[in-house]
Amino acid sequence: MLSPRRLDEICPLLPDPDEIPRVITRAEALRRGFTRREVERRVSSGRWRRILPRTYFTGGDLTELDRAVAALAFAGDGALLSGAAALRHSDVRGVRATRSILVLVPPPNRTRPFDWVDVRRTFRPLEREQWLGPARVTAARATSDLALTMPRLDDVRALVARVVQDRHCSVDELARELEQGPRQGSAHLRRALTEVGYGAASAPEAEAAVILRRHGISGYVQNAEIRLADGSVRIVDFYWPELRACLEIDSVEWHTGPAGWSGTWDRHLDLTKLGLSVIHRPPSALRTPLRFVADIREWLAARRIELGR
């Protein structure tokens, strides 16, 4: 159920033209009939608070939405949110709020960064996300910009898998952003996209695929569809059709809580009813790749013997 605050962000009421907005620039205040002296008087009395140059806050507590609106107002013409702020306002799960807000502006805009607003001029065309909320770039552009700042490969893998899984953008859209964007700092994003292109649907699964390929284990299909007797479909992480064998990379963390964990065992039962061999390994098993590979080799070898192959 949406909270009233979130509902206001997604479906805001039309503003009252006579009501002073929570975030207002000096130029907007002057357009509304305030004099410079009146603006300064309101700031000195505490009724308004200067939060950025020429940008004032007229409300009570400064919210995340207020900060985004203030960053855009300060940055000026053509400004769009990107990075973490844009993804959070597009409801991408698992993205943490950051103190610094990235705002992209077109070349004619000469606003310089200030304090917690990172204003960045870009000569690439800016495409605006069409959902309601603060003006922001598309999910693909925001994901690319955020990934370039992430020092850990696993974090980039998780981010890419999440936006693709939840259909905020496609692999092709992310690849286009990668090729058109800066090269510096893009190695993790390039690798994560390569892995997702193989069919990985989560960061641990992507890492498992890399390990299997590196050690010459092949013959599997990633994210394979297994049709049950009732016509429904189960998706398995890795499936060896010849051996009718399924490998799942599972943990509570990657299945969104205990309910997802329970669902894993329901899927296990459904698959074994079909005579499939199903094993589960936690993401922690990937920390010792040689042991992980040895276990998979032994399991597949035993399966071949079992099937007389």
C-alpha atoms as a PDB file:
ATOM      1  CA  MET A   1       0.000   0.000   0.000  1.00  0.00           C
ATOM      2  CA  LEU A   2       1.373   3.407  -0.957  1.00  0.00           C
ATOM      3  CA  SER A   3       1.992   5.910   1.797  1.00  0.00           C
ATOM      4  CA  PRO A   4       0.390   9.368   1.470  1.00  0.00           C
ATOM      5  CA  ARG A   5       3.856  10.865   0.907  1.00  0.00           C
ATOM      6  CA  ARG A   6       4.659   8.427  -1.905  1.00  0.00           C
ATOM      7  CA  LEU A   7       1.206   8.947  -3.422  1.00  0.00           C
ATOM      8  CA  ASP A   8       1.812  12.700  -3.469  1.00  0.00           C
ATOM      9  CA  GLU A   9       5.082  12.115  -5.340  1.00  0.00           C
ATOM     10  CA  ILE A  10       3.533   9.826  -7.952  1.00  0.00           C
ATOM     11  CA  CYS A  11       0.210  11.662  -8.402  1.00  0.00           C
ATOM     12  CA  PRO A  12       0.734  15.214  -7.153  1.00  0.00           C
ATOM     13  CA  LEU A  13      -2.182  17.575  -6.899  1.00  0.00           C
ATOM     14  CA  LEU A  14      -2.104  20.540  -9.225  1.00  0.00           C
ATOM     15  CA  PRO A  15      -0.380  23.405  -7.395  1.00  0.00           C
ATOM     16  CA  ASP A  16      -2.335  26.392  -6.174  1.00  0.00           C
ATOM     17  CA  PRO A  17      -0.904  29.333  -8.157  1.00  0.00           C
ATOM     18  CA  ASP A  18      -1.253  31.545  -5.081  1.00  0.00           C
ATOM     19  CA  GLU A  19       0.451  29.099  -2.720  1.00  0.00           C
ATOM     20  CA  ILE A  20       4.184  29.538  -2.128  1.00  0.00           C
ATOM     21  CA  PRO A  21       5.991  26.310  -3.135  1.00  0.00           C
ATOM     22  CA  ARG A  22       8.162  24.479  -0.615  1.00  0.00           C
ATOM     23  CA  VAL A  23      11.207  25.181  -2.798  1.00  0.00           C
ATOM     24  CA  ILE A  24      11.473  28.545  -4.487  1.00  0.00           C
ATOM     25  CA  THR A  25      14.238  30.360  -6.307  1.00  0.00           C
ATOM     26  CA  ARG A  26      14.899  34.077  -5.997  1.00  0.00           C
ATOM     27  CA  ALA A  27      13.805  34.576  -9.603  1.00  0.00           C
ATOM     28  CA  GLU A  28      10.511  32.794  -8.954  1.00  0.00           C
ATOM     29  CA  ALA A  29       9.937  34.827  -5.799  1.00  0.00           C
ATOM     30  CA  LEU A  30      10.458  38.062  -7.743  1.00  0.00           C
ATOM     31  CA  ARG A  31       8.038  36.849 -10.416  1.00  0.00           C
ATOM     32  CA  ARG A  32       5.475  36.294  -7.675  1.00  0.00           C
ATOM     33  CA  GLY A  33       5.765  39.895  -6.558  1.00  0.00           C
ATOM     34  CA  PHE A  34       8.249  39.644  -3.690  1.00  0.00           C
ATOM     35  CA  THR A  35      10.950  42.287  -3.518  1.00  0.00           C
ATOM     36  CA  ARG A  36      14.557  41.403  -2.803  1.00  0.00           C
ATOM     37  CA  ARG A  37      14.182  43.038   0.611  1.00  0.00           C
ATOM     38  CA  GLU A  38      11.117  40.898   1.392  1.00  0.00           C
ATOM     39  CA  VAL A  39      13.006  37.764   0.415  1.00  0.00           C
ATOM     40  CA  GLU A  40      15.921  38.658   2.702  1.00  0.00           C
ATOM     41  CA  ARG A  41      13.537  39.548   5.518  1.00  0.00           C
ATOM     42  CA  ARG A  42      11.880  36.135   5.327  1.00  0.00           C
ATOM     43  CA  VAL A  43      15.279  34.430   5.347  1.00  0.00           C
ATOM     44  CA  SER A  44      16.603  36.474   8.285  1.00  0.00           C
ATOM     45  CA  SER A  45      13.425  35.818  10.272  1.00  0.00           C
ATOM     46  CA  GLY A  46      13.677  32.053   9.700  1.00  0.00           C
ATOM     47  CA  ARG A  47      10.443  31.762   7.743  1.00  0.00           C
ATOM     48  CA  TRP A  48      12.472  30.773   4.706  1.00  0.00           C
ATOM     49  CA  ARG A  49      15.774  28.903   4.712  1.00  0.00           C
ATOM     50  CA  ARG A  50      18.504  29.362   2.126  1.00  0.00           C
ATOM     51  CA  ILE A  51      19.550  25.818   1.169  1.00  0.00           C
ATOM     52  CA  LEU A  52      21.470  26.628  -2.031  1.00  0.00           C
ATOM     53  CA  PRO A  53      22.534  29.870  -3.712  1.00  0.00           C
ATOM     54  CA  ARG A  54      19.410  31.767  -4.785  1.00  0.00           C
ATOM     55  CA  THR A  55      17.303  28.787  -3.671  1.00  0.00           C
ATOM     56  CA  TYR A  56      15.098  28.811  -0.576  1.00  0.00           C
ATOM     57  CA  PHE A  57      13.061  26.315   1.408  1.00  0.00           C
ATOM     58  CA  THR A  58       9.732  27.510   2.793  1.00  0.00           C
ATOM     59  CA  GLY A  59       8.448  24.285   4.400  1.00  0.00           C
ATOM     60  CA  GLY A  60       9.115  22.415   7.653  1.00  0.00           C
ATOM     61  CA  ASP A  61      11.308  19.331   7.379  1.00  0.00           C
ATOM     62  CA  LEU A  62      13.413  18.986   4.235  1.00  0.00           C
ATOM     63  CA  THR A  63      12.459  15.693   2.538  1.00  0.00           C
ATOM     64  CA  GLU A  64      14.276  13.687  -0.117  1.00  0.00           C
ATOM     65  CA  LEU A  65      11.827  15.006  -2.705  1.00  0.00           C
ATOM     66  CA  ASP A  66      12.481  18.592  -1.528  1.00  0.00           C
ATOM     67  CA  ARG A  67      16.218  18.088  -1.992  1.00  0.00           C
ATOM     68  CA  ALA A  68      15.694  16.783  -5.522  1.00  0.00           C
ATOM     69  CA  VAL A  69      13.423  19.687  -6.431  1.00  0.00           C
ATOM     70  CA  ALA A  70      15.908  22.139  -4.906  1.00  0.00           C
ATOM     71  CA  ALA A  71      18.812  20.626  -6.861  1.00  0.00           C
ATOM     72  CA  LEU A  72      16.872  20.996 -10.105  1.00  0.00           C
ATOM     73  CA  ALA A  73      15.778  24.543  -9.282  1.00  0.00           C
ATOM     74  CA  PHE A  74      19.344  25.545  -8.470  1.00  0.00           C
ATOM     75  CA  ALA A  75      20.791  23.896 -11.601  1.00  0.00           C
ATOM     76  CA  GLY A  76      18.358  25.755 -13.827  1.00  0.00           C
ATOM     77  CA  ASP A  77      17.347  25.367 -17.471  1.00  0.00           C
ATOM     78  CA  GLY A  78      17.296  21.843 -18.881  1.00  0.00           C
ATOM     79  CA  ALA A  79      18.446  20.190 -15.635  1.00  0.00           C
ATOM     80  CA  LEU A  80      17.624  16.515 -15.066  1.00  0.00           C
ATOM     81  CA  LEU A  81      18.414  14.246 -12.122  1.00  0.00           C
ATOM     82  CA  SER A  82      20.665  11.271 -12.781  1.00  0.00           C
ATOM     83  CA  GLY A  83      22.443   8.577 -10.782  1.00  0.00           C
ATOM     84  CA  ALA A  84      21.037   7.384  -7.451  1.00  0.00           C
ATOM     85  CA  ALA A  85      18.532  10.232  -7.068  1.00  0.00           C
ATOM     86  CA  ALA A  86      16.944   9.542 -10.455  1.00  0.00           C
ATOM     87  CA  LEU A  87      16.731   5.802  -9.810  1.00  0.00           C
ATOM     88  CA  ARG A  88      15.183   6.255  -6.374  1.00  0.00           C
ATOM     89  CA  HIS A  89      12.484   8.521  -7.813  1.00  0.00           C
ATOM     90  CA  SER A  90      11.876   5.862 -10.477  1.00  0.00           C
ATOM     91  CA  ASP A  91      11.282   3.305  -7.690  1.00  0.00           C
ATOM     92  CA  VAL A  92      14.339   1.162  -8.437  1.00  0.00           C
ATOM     93  CA  ARG A  93      14.657  -1.057  -5.390  1.00  0.00           C
ATOM     94  CA  GLY A  94      17.830  -1.329  -3.363  1.00  0.00           C
ATOM     95  CA  VAL A  95      19.351   2.018  -4.383  1.00  0.00           C
ATOM     96  CA  ARG A  96      20.572   3.961  -1.374  1.00  0.00           C
ATOM     97  CA  ALA A  97      20.101   7.677  -1.002  1.00  0.00           C
ATOM     98  CA  THR A  98      23.321   9.664  -1.321  1.00  0.00           C
ATOM     99  CA  ARG A  99      24.258  13.033   0.121  1.00  0.00           C
ATOM    100  CA  SER A 100      25.366  14.301  -3.284  1.00  0.00           C
ATOM    101  CA  ILE A 101      22.726  14.631  -6.003  1.00  0.00           C
ATOM    102  CA  LEU A 102      23.872  14.344  -9.612  1.00  0.00           C
ATOM    103  CA  VAL A 103      22.199  16.789 -11.998  1.00  0.00           C
ATOM    104  CA  LEU A 104      22.926  16.798 -15.725  1.00  0.00           C
ATOM    105  CA  VAL A 105      22.553  20.013 -17.721  1.00  0.00           C
ATOM    106  CA  PRO A 106      22.901  20.850 -21.458  1.00  0.00           C
ATOM    107  CA  PRO A 107      25.931  22.831 -22.717  1.00  0.00           C
ATOM    108  CA  PRO A 108      24.297  26.294 -22.651  1.00  0.00           C
ATOM    109  CA  ASN A 109      23.712  25.915 -18.917  1.00  0.00           C
ATOM    110  CA  ARG A 110      26.804  27.198 -17.067  1.00  0.00           C
ATOM    111  CA  THR A 111      25.717  26.453 -13.486  1.00  0.00           C
ATOM    112  CA  ARG A 112      28.623  25.167 -11.416  1.00  0.00           C
ATOM    113  CA  PRO A 113      28.466  22.446  -8.731  1.00  0.00           C
ATOM    114  CA  PHE A 114      27.793  23.613  -5.205  1.00  0.00           C
ATOM    115  CA  ASP A 115      27.936  21.670  -1.934  1.00  0.00           C
ATOM    116  CA  TRP A 116      25.659  18.620  -2.292  1.00  0.00           C
ATOM    117  CA  VAL A 117      24.567  19.336  -5.876  1.00  0.00           C
ATOM    118  CA  ASP A 118      26.918  17.853  -8.480  1.00  0.00           C
ATOM    119  CA  VAL A 119      26.031  19.779 -11.635  1.00  0.00           C
ATOM    120  CA  ARG A 120      27.561  18.166 -14.705  1.00  0.00           C
ATOM    121  CA  ARG A 121      27.395  19.554 -18.237  1.00  0.00           C
ATOM    122  CA  THR A 122      26.915  16.925 -20.919  1.00  0.00           C
ATOM    123  CA  PHE A 123      27.115  17.208 -24.684  1.00  0.00           C
ATOM    124  CA  ARG A 124      25.109  14.028 -25.123  1.00  0.00           C
ATOM    125  CA  PRO A 125      21.368  14.488 -25.758  1.00  0.00           C
ATOM    126  CA  LEU A 126      19.340  14.410 -22.545  1.00  0.00           C
ATOM    127  CA  GLU A 127      16.264  12.189 -22.717  1.00  0.00           C
ATOM    128  CA  ARG A 128      13.751  12.793 -19.943  1.00  0.00           C
ATOM    129  CA  GLU A 129      11.957   9.999 -18.104  1.00  0.00           C
ATOM    130  CA  GLN A 130       8.251  10.414 -18.757  1.00  0.00           C
ATOM    131  CA  TRP A 131       6.944   9.173 -15.417  1.00  0.00           C
ATOM    132  CA  LEU A 132       5.625  11.660 -12.873  1.00  0.00           C
ATOM    133  CA  GLY A 133       7.951  13.043 -10.241  1.00  0.00           C
ATOM    134  CA  PRO A 134      11.123  15.149 -10.363  1.00  0.00           C
ATOM    135  CA  ALA A 135      12.559  15.737 -13.847  1.00  0.00           C
ATOM    136  CA  ARG A 136      15.105  12.991 -14.460  1.00  0.00           C
ATOM    137  CA  VAL A 137      16.908  11.048 -17.145  1.00  0.00           C
ATOM    138  CA  THR A 138      15.879   7.566 -18.229  1.00  0.00           C
ATOM    139  CA  ALA A 139      16.634   4.595 -15.989  1.00  0.00           C
ATOM    140  CA  ALA A 140      19.318   3.379 -18.398  1.00  0.00           C
ATOM    141  CA  ARG A 141      21.197   6.707 -18.305  1.00  0.00           C
ATOM    142  CA  ALA A 142      20.856   6.974 -14.510  1.00  0.00           C
ATOM    143  CA  THR A 143      22.050   3.387 -14.051  1.00  0.00           C
ATOM    144  CA  SER A 144      25.076   3.994 -16.237  1.00  0.00           C
ATOM    145  CA  ASP A 145      25.983   7.186 -14.371  1.00  0.00           C
ATOM    146  CA  LEU A 146      25.632   5.482 -10.990  1.00  0.00           C
ATOM    147  CA  ALA A 147      27.586   2.388 -12.064  1.00  0.00           C
ATOM    148  CA  LEU A 148      30.540   4.546 -13.102  1.00  0.00           C
ATOM    149  CA  THR A 149      30.897   5.693  -9.487  1.00  0.00           C
ATOM    150  CA  MET A 150      30.737   2.209  -7.903  1.00  0.00           C
ATOM    151  CA  PRO A 151      34.113   0.735  -6.914  1.00  0.00           C
ATOM    152  CA  ARG A 152      32.831  -2.841  -6.381  1.00  0.00           C
ATOM    153  CA  LEU A 153      31.976  -5.142  -9.291  1.00  0.00           C
ATOM    154  CA  ASP A 154      29.360  -7.014  -7.240  1.00  0.00           C
ATOM    155  CA  ASP A 155      27.474  -3.783  -6.574  1.00  0.00           C
ATOM    156  CA  VAL A 156      27.389  -2.975 -10.288  1.00  0.00           C
ATOM    157  CA  ARG A 157      26.259  -6.534 -11.074  1.00  0.00           C
ATOM    158  CA  ALA A 158      23.440  -6.258  -8.565  1.00  0.00           C
ATOM    159  CA  LEU A 159      22.347  -2.859  -9.883  1.00  0.00           C
ATOM    160  CA  VAL A 160      22.310  -3.987 -13.513  1.00  0.00           C
ATOM    161  CA  ALA A 161      20.501  -7.229 -12.723  1.00  0.00           C
ATOM    162  CA  ARG A 162      17.913  -5.333 -10.684  1.00  0.00           C
ATOM    163  CA  VAL A 163      16.991  -2.722 -13.289  1.00  0.00           C
ATOM    164  CA  VAL A 164      16.818  -5.378 -16.010  1.00  0.00           C
ATOM    165  CA  GLN A 165      14.852  -7.872 -13.912  1.00  0.00           C
ATOM    166  CA  ASP A 166      12.338  -5.249 -12.833  1.00  0.00           C
ATOM    167  CA  ARG A 167      12.042  -3.968 -16.426  1.00  0.00           C
ATOM    168  CA  HIS A 168      13.135  -0.428 -15.755  1.00  0.00           C
ATOM    169  CA  CYS A 169      15.265  -0.734 -18.880  1.00  0.00           C
ATOM    170  CA  SER A 170      16.673  -3.363 -21.216  1.00  0.00           C
ATOM    171  CA  VAL A 171      20.174  -4.748 -21.659  1.00  0.00           C
ATOM    172  CA  ASP A 172      20.305  -3.090 -25.087  1.00  0.00           C
ATOM    173  CA  GLU A 173      19.461   0.313 -23.578  1.00  0.00           C
ATOM    174  CA  LEU A 174      22.209  -0.093 -20.971  1.00  0.00           C
ATOM    175  CA  ALA A 175      24.675  -1.224 -23.637  1.00  0.00           C
ATOM    176  CA  ARG A 176      23.857   1.866 -25.696  1.00  0.00           C
ATOM    177  CA  GLU A 177      24.553   4.077 -22.670  1.00  0.00           C
ATOM    178  CA  LEU A 178      27.827   2.257 -22.080  1.00  0.00           C
ATOM    179  CA  GLU A 179      29.036   2.782 -25.638  1.00  0.00           C
ATOM    180  CA  GLN A 180      27.986   6.430 -25.754  1.00  0.00           C
ATOM    181  CA  GLY A 181      29.227   7.302 -22.279  1.00  0.00           C
ATOM    182  CA  PRO A 182      32.705   7.882 -20.837  1.00  0.00           C
ATOM    183  CA  ARG A 183      35.240   5.053 -20.936  1.00  0.00           C
ATOM    184  CA  GLN A 184      36.882   5.942 -17.651  1.00  0.00           C
ATOM    185  CA  GLY A 185      35.428   3.890 -14.807  1.00  0.00           C
ATOM    186  CA  SER A 186      33.239   1.773 -17.117  1.00  0.00           C
ATOM    187  CA  ALA A 187      35.054  -1.575 -16.747  1.00  0.00           C
ATOM    188  CA  HIS A 188      32.668  -2.939 -14.093  1.00  0.00           C
ATOM    189  CA  LEU A 189      29.611  -1.895 -16.072  1.00  0.00           C
ATOM    190  CA  ARG A 190      31.001  -3.468 -19.244  1.00  0.00           C
ATOM    191  CA  ARG A 191      31.661  -6.749 -17.473  1.00  0.00           C
ATOM    192  CA  ALA A 192      28.269  -6.761 -15.744  1.00  0.00           C
ATOM    193  CA  LEU A 193      26.492  -6.182 -19.053  1.00  0.00           C
ATOM    194  CA  THR A 194      28.453  -8.966 -20.700  1.00  0.00           C
ATOM    195  CA  GLU A 195      27.345 -11.304 -17.954  1.00  0.00           C
ATOM    196  CA  VAL A 196      23.725 -10.218 -18.086  1.00  0.00           C
ATOM    197  CA  GLY A 197      23.866 -10.677 -21.837  1.00  0.00           C
ATOM    198  CA  TYR A 198      24.531 -14.357 -21.201  1.00  0.00           C
ATOM    199  CA  GLY A 199      21.212 -14.469 -19.348  1.00  0.00           C
ATOM    200  CA  ALA A 200      22.170 -13.844 -15.740  1.00  0.00           C
ATOM    201  CA  ALA A 201      19.306 -12.588 -13.600  1.00  0.00           C
ATOM    202  CA  SER A 202      21.106 -11.803 -10.341  1.00  0.00           C
ATOM    203  CA  ALA A 203      24.565 -10.827  -9.200  1.00  0.00           C
ATOM    204  CA  PRO A 204      25.416 -14.243  -7.652  1.00  0.00           C
ATOM    205  CA  GLU A 205      24.137 -16.060 -10.746  1.00  0.00           C
ATOM    206  CA  ALA A 206      26.276 -13.821 -12.953  1.00  0.00           C
ATOM    207  CA  GLU A 207      29.338 -14.636 -10.882  1.00  0.00           C
ATOM    208  CA  ALA A 208      28.526 -18.363 -11.009  1.00  0.00           C
ATOM    209  CA  ALA A 209      28.262 -18.199 -14.802  1.00  0.00           C
ATOM    210  CA  VAL A 210      31.672 -16.550 -15.047  1.00  0.00           C
ATOM    211  CA  ILE A 211      33.225 -19.251 -12.845  1.00  0.00           C
ATOM    212  CA  LEU A 212      31.640 -22.092 -14.813  1.00  0.00           C
ATOM    213  CA  ARG A 213      32.741 -20.664 -18.164  1.00  0.00           C
ATOM    214  CA  ARG A 214      36.243 -19.950 -16.895  1.00  0.00           C
ATOM    215  CA  HIS A 215      36.670 -23.580 -15.830  1.00  0.00           C
ATOM    216  CA  GLY A 216      35.240 -25.087 -19.005  1.00  0.00           C
ATOM    217  CA  ILE A 217      31.918 -26.323 -17.660  1.00  0.00           C
ATOM    218  CA  SER A 218      29.388 -26.011 -20.462  1.00  0.00           C
ATOM    219  CA  GLY A 219      26.254 -27.621 -21.836  1.00  0.00           C
ATOM    220  CA  TYR A 220      23.871 -25.627 -19.669  1.00  0.00           C
ATOM    221  CA  VAL A 221      21.141 -23.083 -20.370  1.00  0.00           C
ATOM    222  CA  GLN A 222      20.757 -20.068 -18.095  1.00  0.00           C
ATOM    223  CA  ASN A 223      17.315 -19.012 -16.899  1.00  0.00           C
ATOM    224  CA  ALA A 224      15.853 -22.057 -18.586  1.00  0.00           C
ATOM    225  CA  GLU A 225      12.090 -22.575 -18.685  1.00  0.00           C
ATOM    226  CA  ILE A 226      10.908 -25.945 -17.349  1.00  0.00           C
ATOM    227  CA  ARG A 227       7.264 -26.742 -18.116  1.00  0.00           C
ATOM    228  CA  LEU A 228       5.387 -28.689 -15.445  1.00  0.00           C
ATOM    229  CA  ALA A 229       2.639 -31.247 -15.964  1.00  0.00           C
ATOM    230  CA  ASP A 230      -0.064 -28.657 -15.296  1.00  0.00           C
ATOM    231  CA  GLY A 231       1.331 -26.391 -18.007  1.00  0.00           C
ATOM    232  CA  SER A 232       2.919 -23.845 -15.644  1.00  0.00           C
ATOM    233  CA  VAL A 233       6.564 -22.871 -16.024  1.00  0.00           C
ATOM    234  CA  ARG A 234       9.456 -22.816 -13.583  1.00  0.00           C
ATOM    235  CA  ILE A 235      12.641 -20.834 -14.275  1.00  0.00           C
ATOM    236  CA  VAL A 236      15.916 -22.409 -13.162  1.00  0.00           C
ATOM    237  CA  ASP A 237      19.266 -20.630 -12.953  1.00  0.00           C
ATOM    238  CA  PHE A 238      21.304 -23.322 -14.785  1.00  0.00           C
ATOM    239  CA  TYR A 239      19.897 -26.353 -16.635  1.00  0.00           C
ATOM    240  CA  TRP A 240      21.790 -29.194 -18.318  1.00  0.00           C
ATOM    241  CA  PRO A 241      19.166 -30.645 -20.715  1.00  0.00           C
ATOM    242  CA  GLU A 242      21.188 -33.765 -21.541  1.00  0.00           C
ATOM    243  CA  LEU A 243      21.497 -34.676 -17.874  1.00  0.00           C
ATOM    244  CA  ARG A 244      18.141 -33.255 -16.760  1.00  0.00           C
ATOM    245  CA  ALA A 245      20.048 -31.457 -14.008  1.00  0.00           C
ATOM    246  CA  CYS A 246      19.322 -28.063 -12.424  1.00  0.00           C
ATOM    247  CA  LEU A 247      21.610 -25.811 -10.400  1.00  0.00           C
ATOM    248  CA  GLU A 248      20.075 -22.987  -8.370  1.00  0.00           C
ATOM    249  CA  ILE A 249      22.080 -20.183  -6.707  1.00  0.00           C
ATOM    250  CA  ASP A 250      19.865 -19.447  -3.718  1.00  0.00           C
ATOM    251  CA  SER A 251      19.775 -17.389  -0.536  1.00  0.00           C
ATOM    252  CA  VAL A 252      17.204 -15.486   1.499  1.00  0.00           C
ATOM    253  CA  GLU A 253      18.889 -12.225   0.465  1.00  0.00           C
ATOM    254  CA  TRP A 254      18.380 -12.862  -3.240  1.00  0.00           C
ATOM    255  CA  HIS A 255      14.838 -14.157  -2.870  1.00  0.00           C
ATOM    256  CA  THR A 256      13.457 -11.109  -1.025  1.00  0.00           C
ATOM    257  CA  GLY A 257      12.793 -12.672   2.346  1.00  0.00           C
ATOM    258  CA  PRO A 258      11.484 -15.869   3.977  1.00  0.00           C
ATOM    259  CA  ALA A 259       8.484 -16.073   1.622  1.00  0.00           C
ATOM    260  CA  GLY A 260      10.831 -16.241  -1.346  1.00  0.00           C
ATOM    261  CA  TRP A 261      12.945 -18.830   0.450  1.00  0.00           C
ATOM    262  CA  SER A 262       9.844 -20.995   1.012  1.00  0.00           C
ATOM    263  CA  GLY A 263       9.009 -20.621  -2.668  1.00  0.00           C
ATOM    264  CA  THR A 264      12.453 -22.013  -3.525  1.00  0.00           C
ATOM    265  CA  TRP A 265      11.596 -25.300  -1.865  1.00  0.00           C
ATOM    266  CA  ASP A 266       8.197 -25.407  -3.562  1.00  0.00           C
ATOM    267  CA  ARG A 267       9.973 -25.053  -6.909  1.00  0.00           C
ATOM    268  CA  HIS A 268      12.427 -27.759  -5.861  1.00  0.00           C
ATOM    269  CA  LEU A 269       9.561 -30.167  -5.254  1.00  0.00           C
ATOM    270  CA  ASP A 270       7.921 -29.305  -8.565  1.00  0.00           C
ATOM    271  CA  LEU A 271      11.148 -30.004 -10.424  1.00  0.00           C
ATOM    272  CA  THR A 272      11.998 -33.272  -8.690  1.00  0.00           C
ATOM    273  CA  LYS A 273       8.500 -34.557  -9.511  1.00  0.00           C
ATOM    274  CA  LEU A 274       9.648 -34.420 -13.143  1.00  0.00           C
ATOM    275  CA  GLY A 275      12.647 -36.614 -12.355  1.00  0.00           C
ATOM    276  CA  LEU A 276      15.145 -33.766 -12.476  1.00  0.00           C
ATOM    277  CA  SER A 277      18.227 -33.636 -10.298  1.00  0.00           C
ATOM    278  CA  VAL A 278      18.198 -30.280  -8.480  1.00  0.00           C
ATOM    279  CA  ILE A 279      20.919 -28.863  -6.253  1.00  0.00           C
ATOM    280  CA  HIS A 280      21.123 -25.505  -4.485  1.00  0.00           C
ATOM    281  CA  ARG A 281      24.248 -23.529  -3.654  1.00  0.00           C
ATOM    282  CA  PRO A 282      24.385 -20.285  -1.651  1.00  0.00           C
ATOM    283  CA  PRO A 283      26.213 -17.205  -2.965  1.00  0.00           C
ATOM    284  CA  SER A 284      28.828 -17.753  -0.262  1.00  0.00           C
ATOM    285  CA  ALA A 285      29.941 -20.919  -2.097  1.00  0.00           C
ATOM    286  CA  LEU A 286      31.222 -18.704  -4.907  1.00  0.00           C
ATOM    287  CA  ARG A 287      33.869 -17.243  -2.600  1.00  0.00           C
ATOM    288  CA  THR A 288      35.882 -20.452  -3.074  1.00  0.00           C
ATOM    289  CA  PRO A 289      35.616 -20.957  -6.860  1.00  0.00           C
ATOM    290  CA  LEU A 290      37.775 -24.111  -7.043  1.00  0.00           C
ATOM    291  CA  ARG A 291      35.663 -25.884  -4.437  1.00  0.00           C
ATOM    292  CA  PHE A 292      32.464 -24.714  -6.157  1.00  0.00           C
ATOM    293  CA  VAL A 293      33.684 -26.026  -9.532  1.00  0.00           C
ATOM    294  CA  ALA A 294      34.809 -29.349  -8.011  1.00  0.00           C
ATOM    295  CA  ASP A 295      31.388 -29.856  -6.417  1.00  0.00           C
ATOM    296  CA  ILE A 296      29.589 -29.133  -9.698  1.00  0.00           C
ATOM    297  CA  ARG A 297      31.878 -31.482 -11.653  1.00  0.00           C
ATOM    298  CA  GLU A 298      31.307 -34.323  -9.162  1.00  0.00           C
ATOM    299  CA  TRP A 299      27.551 -33.772  -9.176  1.00  0.00           C
ATOM    300  CA  LEU A 300      27.375 -33.801 -12.985  1.00  0.00           C
ATOM    301  CA  ALA A 301      29.605 -36.892 -13.149  1.00  0.00           C
ATOM    302  CA  ALA A 302      27.366 -38.719 -10.688  1.00  0.00           C
ATOM    303  CA  ARG A 303      24.341 -37.701 -12.722  1.00  0.00           C
ATOM    304  CA  ARG A 304      25.898 -39.152 -15.876  1.00  0.00           C
ATOM    305  CA  ILE A 305      26.498 -42.450 -14.107  1.00  0.00           C
ATOM    306  CA  GLU A 306      22.949 -42.418 -12.740  1.00  0.00           C
ATOM    307  CA  LEU A 307      21.531 -41.976 -16.254  1.00  0.00           C
ATOM    308  CA  GLY A 308      23.956 -44.489 -17.808  1.00  0.00           C
ATOM    309  CA  ARG A 309      25.659 -41.841 -19.943  1.00  0.00           C
END
